[in-house]
Amino acid sequence: MARKYIDCREFPSDMNCTLALCADSEAELLEAAVQHAVAVHQHQDSPEFRKQLKQLFKEGTPPVAAPRRAA
């Protein structure tokens, strides 16, 4: 399986979170992303939320420079 990542810098938030997570396993990345989203961004863990997070995963590793934020 290819390395995957999710990068909070791509999404607007009041706290301007700069965390990017990556893992070789999609399951490992999902667990870390859910823990971060619940603890830091006060999201609720649910099957639908996990599905939404998985759709945001990208192949590879996060860039060093902050990516452009989604509108």
PDB file of N, CA and C in Angstrom:
ATOM      1  N   MET A   1       0.841  -1.180   0.000  1.00  0.00           N
ATOM      2  CA  MET A   1       0.000   0.000   0.000  1.00  0.00           C
ATOM      3  C   MET A   1       0.888   1.246   0.000  1.00  0.00           C
ATOM      4  N   ALA A   2       0.505   2.231  -0.742  1.00  0.00           N
ATOM      5  CA  ALA A   2       1.270   3.477  -0.839  1.00  0.00           C
ATOM      6  C   ALA A   2       1.033   4.342   0.399  1.00  0.00           C
ATOM      7  N   ARG A   3       2.025   5.138   0.735  1.00  0.00           N
ATOM      8  CA  ARG A   3       1.915   6.058   1.858  1.00  0.00           C
ATOM      9  C   ARG A   3       0.822   7.080   1.563  1.00  0.00           C
ATOM     10  N   LYS A   4       0.048   7.446   2.594  1.00  0.00           N
ATOM     11  CA  LYS A   4      -1.031   8.417   2.443  1.00  0.00           C
ATOM     12  C   LYS A   4      -0.911   9.475   3.524  1.00  0.00           C
ATOM     13  N   TYR A   5      -1.557  10.631   3.263  1.00  0.00           N
ATOM     14  CA  TYR A   5      -1.525  11.710   4.250  1.00  0.00           C
ATOM     15  C   TYR A   5      -2.805  12.519   4.238  1.00  0.00           C
ATOM     16  N   ILE A   6      -2.975  13.299   5.293  1.00  0.00           N
ATOM     17  CA  ILE A   6      -4.028  14.300   5.392  1.00  0.00           C
ATOM     18  C   ILE A   6      -3.383  15.516   6.041  1.00  0.00           C
ATOM     19  N   ASP A   7      -3.744  16.699   5.572  1.00  0.00           N
ATOM     20  CA  ASP A   7      -3.044  17.923   5.974  1.00  0.00           C
ATOM     21  C   ASP A   7      -4.057  18.985   6.411  1.00  0.00           C
ATOM     22  N   CYS A   8      -4.080  19.313   7.698  1.00  0.00           N
ATOM     23  CA  CYS A   8      -5.014  20.321   8.223  1.00  0.00           C
ATOM     24  C   CYS A   8      -4.783  21.693   7.600  1.00  0.00           C
ATOM     25  N   ARG A   9      -3.592  21.949   7.114  1.00  0.00           N
ATOM     26  CA  ARG A   9      -3.296  23.261   6.531  1.00  0.00           C
ATOM     27  C   ARG A   9      -4.148  23.542   5.302  1.00  0.00           C
ATOM     28  N   GLU A  10      -4.740  22.519   4.712  1.00  0.00           N
ATOM     29  CA  GLU A  10      -5.563  22.684   3.517  1.00  0.00           C
ATOM     30  C   GLU A  10      -6.971  23.173   3.834  1.00  0.00           C
ATOM     31  N   PHE A  11      -7.349  23.179   5.116  1.00  0.00           N
ATOM     32  CA  PHE A  11      -8.724  23.474   5.485  1.00  0.00           C
ATOM     33  C   PHE A  11      -8.783  24.662   6.443  1.00  0.00           C
ATOM     34  N   PRO A  12      -9.619  25.637   6.130  1.00  0.00           N
ATOM     35  CA  PRO A  12      -9.731  26.805   7.008  1.00  0.00           C
ATOM     36  C   PRO A  12     -10.244  26.418   8.391  1.00  0.00           C
ATOM     37  N   SER A  13      -9.680  27.042   9.404  1.00  0.00           N
ATOM     38  CA  SER A  13     -10.165  26.843  10.770  1.00  0.00           C
ATOM     39  C   SER A  13      -9.797  28.065  11.597  1.00  0.00           C
ATOM     40  N   ASP A  14     -10.503  28.252  12.688  1.00  0.00           N
ATOM     41  CA  ASP A  14     -10.228  29.381  13.576  1.00  0.00           C
ATOM     42  C   ASP A  14      -8.833  29.302  14.178  1.00  0.00           C
ATOM     43  N   MET A  15      -8.343  28.096  14.361  1.00  0.00           N
ATOM     44  CA  MET A  15      -7.045  27.920  15.026  1.00  0.00           C
ATOM     45  C   MET A  15      -5.865  27.864  14.048  1.00  0.00           C
ATOM     46  N   ASN A  16      -6.140  27.879  12.749  1.00  0.00           N
ATOM     47  CA  ASN A  16      -5.072  27.788  11.742  1.00  0.00           C
ATOM     48  C   ASN A  16      -4.132  26.620  12.030  1.00  0.00           C
ATOM     49  N   CYS A  17      -4.701  25.452  12.180  1.00  0.00           N
ATOM     50  CA  CYS A  17      -3.951  24.239  12.503  1.00  0.00           C
ATOM     51  C   CYS A  17      -2.911  23.960  11.416  1.00  0.00           C
ATOM     52  N   THR A  18      -1.708  23.607  11.827  1.00  0.00           N
ATOM     53  CA  THR A  18      -0.615  23.335  10.890  1.00  0.00           C
ATOM     54  C   THR A  18      -0.191  21.867  10.891  1.00  0.00           C
ATOM     55  N   LEU A  19      -1.015  20.991  11.441  1.00  0.00           N
ATOM     56  CA  LEU A  19      -0.667  19.583  11.542  1.00  0.00           C
ATOM     57  C   LEU A  19      -0.900  18.848  10.225  1.00  0.00           C
ATOM     58  N   ALA A  20       0.042  18.007   9.865  1.00  0.00           N
ATOM     59  CA  ALA A  20      -0.103  17.089   8.735  1.00  0.00           C
ATOM     60  C   ALA A  20       0.252  15.701   9.257  1.00  0.00           C
ATOM     61  N   LEU A  21      -0.553  14.717   8.905  1.00  0.00           N
ATOM     62  CA  LEU A  21      -0.335  13.342   9.343  1.00  0.00           C
ATOM     63  C   LEU A  21      -0.129  12.444   8.142  1.00  0.00           C
ATOM     64  N   CYS A  22       0.768  11.462   8.257  1.00  0.00           N
ATOM     65  CA  CYS A  22       0.943  10.496   7.182  1.00  0.00           C
ATOM     66  C   CYS A  22       1.250   9.129   7.779  1.00  0.00           C
ATOM     67  N   ALA A  23       0.926   8.090   7.016  1.00  0.00           N
ATOM     68  CA  ALA A  23       1.150   6.721   7.465  1.00  0.00           C
ATOM     69  C   ALA A  23       1.187   5.789   6.257  1.00  0.00           C
ATOM     70  N   ASP A  24       1.777   4.618   6.464  1.00  0.00           N
ATOM     71  CA  ASP A  24       1.813   3.607   5.415  1.00  0.00           C
ATOM     72  C   ASP A  24       0.508   2.828   5.348  1.00  0.00           C
ATOM     73  N   SER A  25      -0.265   2.861   6.432  1.00  0.00           N
ATOM     74  CA  SER A  25      -1.520   2.141   6.508  1.00  0.00           C
ATOM     75  C   SER A  25      -2.677   3.134   6.569  1.00  0.00           C
ATOM     76  N   GLU A  26      -3.691   2.919   5.729  1.00  0.00           N
ATOM     77  CA  GLU A  26      -4.863   3.786   5.749  1.00  0.00           C
ATOM     78  C   GLU A  26      -5.577   3.700   7.098  1.00  0.00           C
ATOM     79  N   ALA A  27      -5.606   2.509   7.682  1.00  0.00           N
ATOM     80  CA  ALA A  27      -6.253   2.332   8.984  1.00  0.00           C
ATOM     81  C   ALA A  27      -5.527   3.128  10.064  1.00  0.00           C
ATOM     82  N   GLU A  28      -4.202   3.093  10.041  1.00  0.00           N
ATOM     83  CA  GLU A  28      -3.413   3.848  11.019  1.00  0.00           C
ATOM     84  C   GLU A  28      -3.618   5.354  10.837  1.00  0.00           C
ATOM     85  N   LEU A  29      -3.626   5.805   9.608  1.00  0.00           N
ATOM     86  CA  LEU A  29      -3.842   7.227   9.330  1.00  0.00           C
ATOM     87  C   LEU A  29      -5.234   7.647   9.777  1.00  0.00           C
ATOM     88  N   LEU A  30      -6.224   6.826   9.511  1.00  0.00           N
ATOM     89  CA  LEU A  30      -7.587   7.158   9.902  1.00  0.00           C
ATOM     90  C   LEU A  30      -7.703   7.302  11.415  1.00  0.00           C
ATOM     91  N   GLU A  31      -7.133   6.383  12.166  1.00  0.00           N
ATOM     92  CA  GLU A  31      -7.206   6.461  13.629  1.00  0.00           C
ATOM     93  C   GLU A  31      -6.530   7.725  14.150  1.00  0.00           C
ATOM     94  N   ALA A  32      -5.371   8.053  13.628  1.00  0.00           N
ATOM     95  CA  ALA A  32      -4.661   9.265  14.062  1.00  0.00           C
ATOM     96  C   ALA A  32      -5.440  10.515  13.681  1.00  0.00           C
ATOM     97  N   ALA A  33      -6.008  10.544  12.482  1.00  0.00           N
ATOM     98  CA  ALA A  33      -6.765  11.709  12.023  1.00  0.00           C
ATOM     99  C   ALA A  33      -8.031  11.902  12.849  1.00  0.00           C
ATOM    100  N   VAL A  34      -8.707  10.807  13.180  1.00  0.00           N
ATOM    101  CA  VAL A  34      -9.916  10.897  14.001  1.00  0.00           C
ATOM    102  C   VAL A  34      -9.561  11.408  15.392  1.00  0.00           C
ATOM    103  N   GLN A  35      -8.515  10.860  15.993  1.00  0.00           N
ATOM    104  CA  GLN A  35      -8.107  11.313  17.325  1.00  0.00           C
ATOM    105  C   GLN A  35      -7.793  12.801  17.321  1.00  0.00           C
ATOM    106  N   HIS A  36      -7.085  13.254  16.307  1.00  0.00           N
ATOM    107  CA  HIS A  36      -6.743  14.679  16.204  1.00  0.00           C
ATOM    108  C   HIS A  36      -8.005  15.526  16.014  1.00  0.00           C
ATOM    109  N   ALA A  37      -8.870  15.117  15.106  1.00  0.00           N
ATOM    110  CA  ALA A  37     -10.078  15.895  14.806  1.00  0.00           C
ATOM    111  C   ALA A  37     -10.997  16.010  16.021  1.00  0.00           C
ATOM    112  N   VAL A  38     -11.099  14.949  16.796  1.00  0.00           N
ATOM    113  CA  VAL A  38     -11.956  14.956  17.982  1.00  0.00           C
ATOM    114  C   VAL A  38     -11.318  15.787  19.097  1.00  0.00           C
ATOM    115  N   ALA A  39     -10.040  15.557  19.367  1.00  0.00           N
ATOM    116  CA  ALA A  39      -9.369  16.230  20.483  1.00  0.00           C
ATOM    117  C   ALA A  39      -9.115  17.710  20.227  1.00  0.00           C
ATOM    118  N   VAL A  40      -8.744  18.051  19.015  1.00  0.00           N
ATOM    119  CA  VAL A  40      -8.327  19.425  18.717  1.00  0.00           C
ATOM    120  C   VAL A  40      -9.442  20.252  18.082  1.00  0.00           C
ATOM    121  N   HIS A  41     -10.192  19.648  17.173  1.00  0.00           N
ATOM    122  CA  HIS A  41     -11.186  20.402  16.419  1.00  0.00           C
ATOM    123  C   HIS A  41     -12.624  20.143  16.887  1.00  0.00           C
ATOM    124  N   GLN A  42     -12.790  19.349  17.927  1.00  0.00           N
ATOM    125  CA  GLN A  42     -14.086  19.051  18.538  1.00  0.00           C
ATOM    126  C   GLN A  42     -15.112  18.422  17.591  1.00  0.00           C
ATOM    127  N   HIS A  43     -14.629  17.655  16.620  1.00  0.00           N
ATOM    128  CA  HIS A  43     -15.539  16.888  15.775  1.00  0.00           C
ATOM    129  C   HIS A  43     -16.047  15.689  16.570  1.00  0.00           C
ATOM    130  N   GLN A  44     -17.154  15.138  16.138  1.00  0.00           N
ATOM    131  CA  GLN A  44     -17.703  13.934  16.754  1.00  0.00           C
ATOM    132  C   GLN A  44     -17.308  12.730  15.911  1.00  0.00           C
ATOM    133  N   ASP A  45     -16.791  11.702  16.560  1.00  0.00           N
ATOM    134  CA  ASP A  45     -16.425  10.475  15.864  1.00  0.00           C
ATOM    135  C   ASP A  45     -17.700   9.717  15.493  1.00  0.00           C
ATOM    136  N   SER A  46     -17.831   9.408  14.224  1.00  0.00           N
ATOM    137  CA  SER A  46     -18.972   8.632  13.738  1.00  0.00           C
ATOM    138  C   SER A  46     -18.544   7.926  12.460  1.00  0.00           C
ATOM    139  N   PRO A  47     -19.281   6.914  12.056  1.00  0.00           N
ATOM    140  CA  PRO A  47     -18.950   6.250  10.787  1.00  0.00           C
ATOM    141  C   PRO A  47     -18.968   7.226   9.606  1.00  0.00           C
ATOM    142  N   GLU A  48     -19.919   8.152   9.585  1.00  0.00           N
ATOM    143  CA  GLU A  48     -20.000   9.128   8.489  1.00  0.00           C
ATOM    144  C   GLU A  48     -18.781  10.052   8.503  1.00  0.00           C
ATOM    145  N   PHE A  49     -18.370  10.504   9.685  1.00  0.00           N
ATOM    146  CA  PHE A  49     -17.201  11.377   9.785  1.00  0.00           C
ATOM    147  C   PHE A  49     -15.947  10.639   9.312  1.00  0.00           C
ATOM    148  N   ARG A  50     -15.795   9.387   9.695  1.00  0.00           N
ATOM    149  CA  ARG A  50     -14.643   8.592   9.259  1.00  0.00           C
ATOM    150  C   ARG A  50     -14.641   8.440   7.734  1.00  0.00           C
ATOM    151  N   LYS A  51     -15.807   8.241   7.158  1.00  0.00           N
ATOM    152  CA  LYS A  51     -15.915   8.128   5.700  1.00  0.00           C
ATOM    153  C   LYS A  51     -15.485   9.434   5.032  1.00  0.00           C
ATOM    154  N   GLN A  52     -15.931  10.561   5.594  1.00  0.00           N
ATOM    155  CA  GLN A  52     -15.554  11.868   5.051  1.00  0.00           C
ATOM    156  C   GLN A  52     -14.041  12.077   5.144  1.00  0.00           C
ATOM    157  N   LEU A  53     -13.450  11.726   6.284  1.00  0.00           N
ATOM    158  CA  LEU A  53     -11.999  11.885   6.443  1.00  0.00           C
ATOM    159  C   LEU A  53     -11.240  11.059   5.411  1.00  0.00           C
ATOM    160  N   LYS A  54     -11.646   9.812   5.229  1.00  0.00           N
ATOM    161  CA  LYS A  54     -10.961   8.937   4.275  1.00  0.00           C
ATOM    162  C   LYS A  54     -10.977   9.515   2.866  1.00  0.00           C
ATOM    163  N   GLN A  55     -12.030  10.235   2.516  1.00  0.00           N
ATOM    164  CA  GLN A  55     -12.117  10.834   1.183  1.00  0.00           C
ATOM    165  C   GLN A  55     -11.111  11.975   1.014  1.00  0.00           C
ATOM    166  N   LEU A  56     -10.583  12.495   2.119  1.00  0.00           N
ATOM    167  CA  LEU A  56      -9.613  13.592   2.074  1.00  0.00           C
ATOM    168  C   LEU A  56      -8.164  13.106   2.023  1.00  0.00           C
ATOM    169  N   PHE A  57      -7.948  11.801   2.184  1.00  0.00           N
ATOM    170  CA  PHE A  57      -6.590  11.248   2.144  1.00  0.00           C
ATOM    171  C   PHE A  57      -5.999  11.426   0.751  1.00  0.00           C
ATOM    172  N   LYS A  58      -4.698  11.702   0.724  1.00  0.00           N
ATOM    173  CA  LYS A  58      -3.968  11.845  -0.535  1.00  0.00           C
ATOM    174  C   LYS A  58      -2.795  10.884  -0.542  1.00  0.00           C
ATOM    175  N   GLU A  59      -2.362  10.519  -1.721  1.00  0.00           N
ATOM    176  CA  GLU A  59      -1.203   9.643  -1.884  1.00  0.00           C
ATOM    177  C   GLU A  59       0.081  10.430  -1.634  1.00  0.00           C
ATOM    178  N   GLY A  60       1.059   9.778  -1.030  1.00  0.00           N
ATOM    179  CA  GLY A  60       2.371  10.383  -0.842  1.00  0.00           C
ATOM    180  C   GLY A  60       2.569  10.926   0.564  1.00  0.00           C
ATOM    181  N   THR A  61       3.357  11.980   0.653  1.00  0.00           N
ATOM    182  CA  THR A  61       3.638  12.620   1.930  1.00  0.00           C
ATOM    183  C   THR A  61       3.294  14.101   1.828  1.00  0.00           C
ATOM    184  N   PRO A  62       2.962  14.723   2.948  1.00  0.00           N
ATOM    185  CA  PRO A  62       2.579  16.138   2.889  1.00  0.00           C
ATOM    186  C   PRO A  62       3.749  17.018   2.482  1.00  0.00           C
ATOM    187  N   PRO A  63       3.469  18.103   1.766  1.00  0.00           N
ATOM    188  CA  PRO A  63       4.543  19.015   1.376  1.00  0.00           C
ATOM    189  C   PRO A  63       5.077  19.760   2.594  1.00  0.00           C
ATOM    190  N   VAL A  64       6.322  20.177   2.535  1.00  0.00           N
ATOM    191  CA  VAL A  64       6.916  20.940   3.622  1.00  0.00           C
ATOM    192  C   VAL A  64       6.262  22.310   3.707  1.00  0.00           C
ATOM    193  N   ALA A  65       6.093  22.964   2.580  1.00  0.00           N
ATOM    194  CA  ALA A  65       5.444  24.281   2.540  1.00  0.00           C
ATOM    195  C   ALA A  65       3.944  24.082   2.679  1.00  0.00           C
ATOM    196  N   ALA A  66       3.279  25.012   3.330  1.00  0.00           N
ATOM    197  CA  ALA A  66       1.840  24.926   3.501  1.00  0.00           C
ATOM    198  C   ALA A  66       1.142  24.959   2.146  1.00  0.00           C
ATOM    199  N   PRO A  67       0.241  24.000   1.900  1.00  0.00           N
ATOM    200  CA  PRO A  67      -0.508  24.000   0.635  1.00  0.00           C
ATOM    201  C   PRO A  67      -1.556  25.115   0.655  1.00  0.00           C
ATOM    202  N   ARG A  68      -2.103  25.388  -0.508  1.00  0.00           N
ATOM    203  CA  ARG A  68      -3.187  26.370  -0.610  1.00  0.00           C
ATOM    204  C   ARG A  68      -4.403  25.802   0.088  1.00  0.00           C
ATOM    205  N   ARG A  69      -5.118  26.644   0.800  1.00  0.00           N
ATOM    206  CA  ARG A  69      -6.305  26.203   1.515  1.00  0.00           C
ATOM    207  C   ARG A  69      -7.498  26.091   0.581  1.00  0.00           C
ATOM    208  N   ALA A  70      -8.351  25.118   0.888  1.00  0.00           N
ATOM    209  CA  ALA A  70      -9.599  24.969   0.144  1.00  0.00           C
ATOM    210  C   ALA A  70     -10.506  26.147   0.451  1.00  0.00           C
ATOM    211  N   ALA A  71     -11.274  26.558  -0.519  1.00  0.00           N
ATOM    212  CA  ALA A  71     -12.195  27.698  -0.304  1.00  0.00           C
ATOM    213  C   ALA A  71     -13.473  27.256   0.354  1.00  0.00           C
TER     214      ALA A  71
END
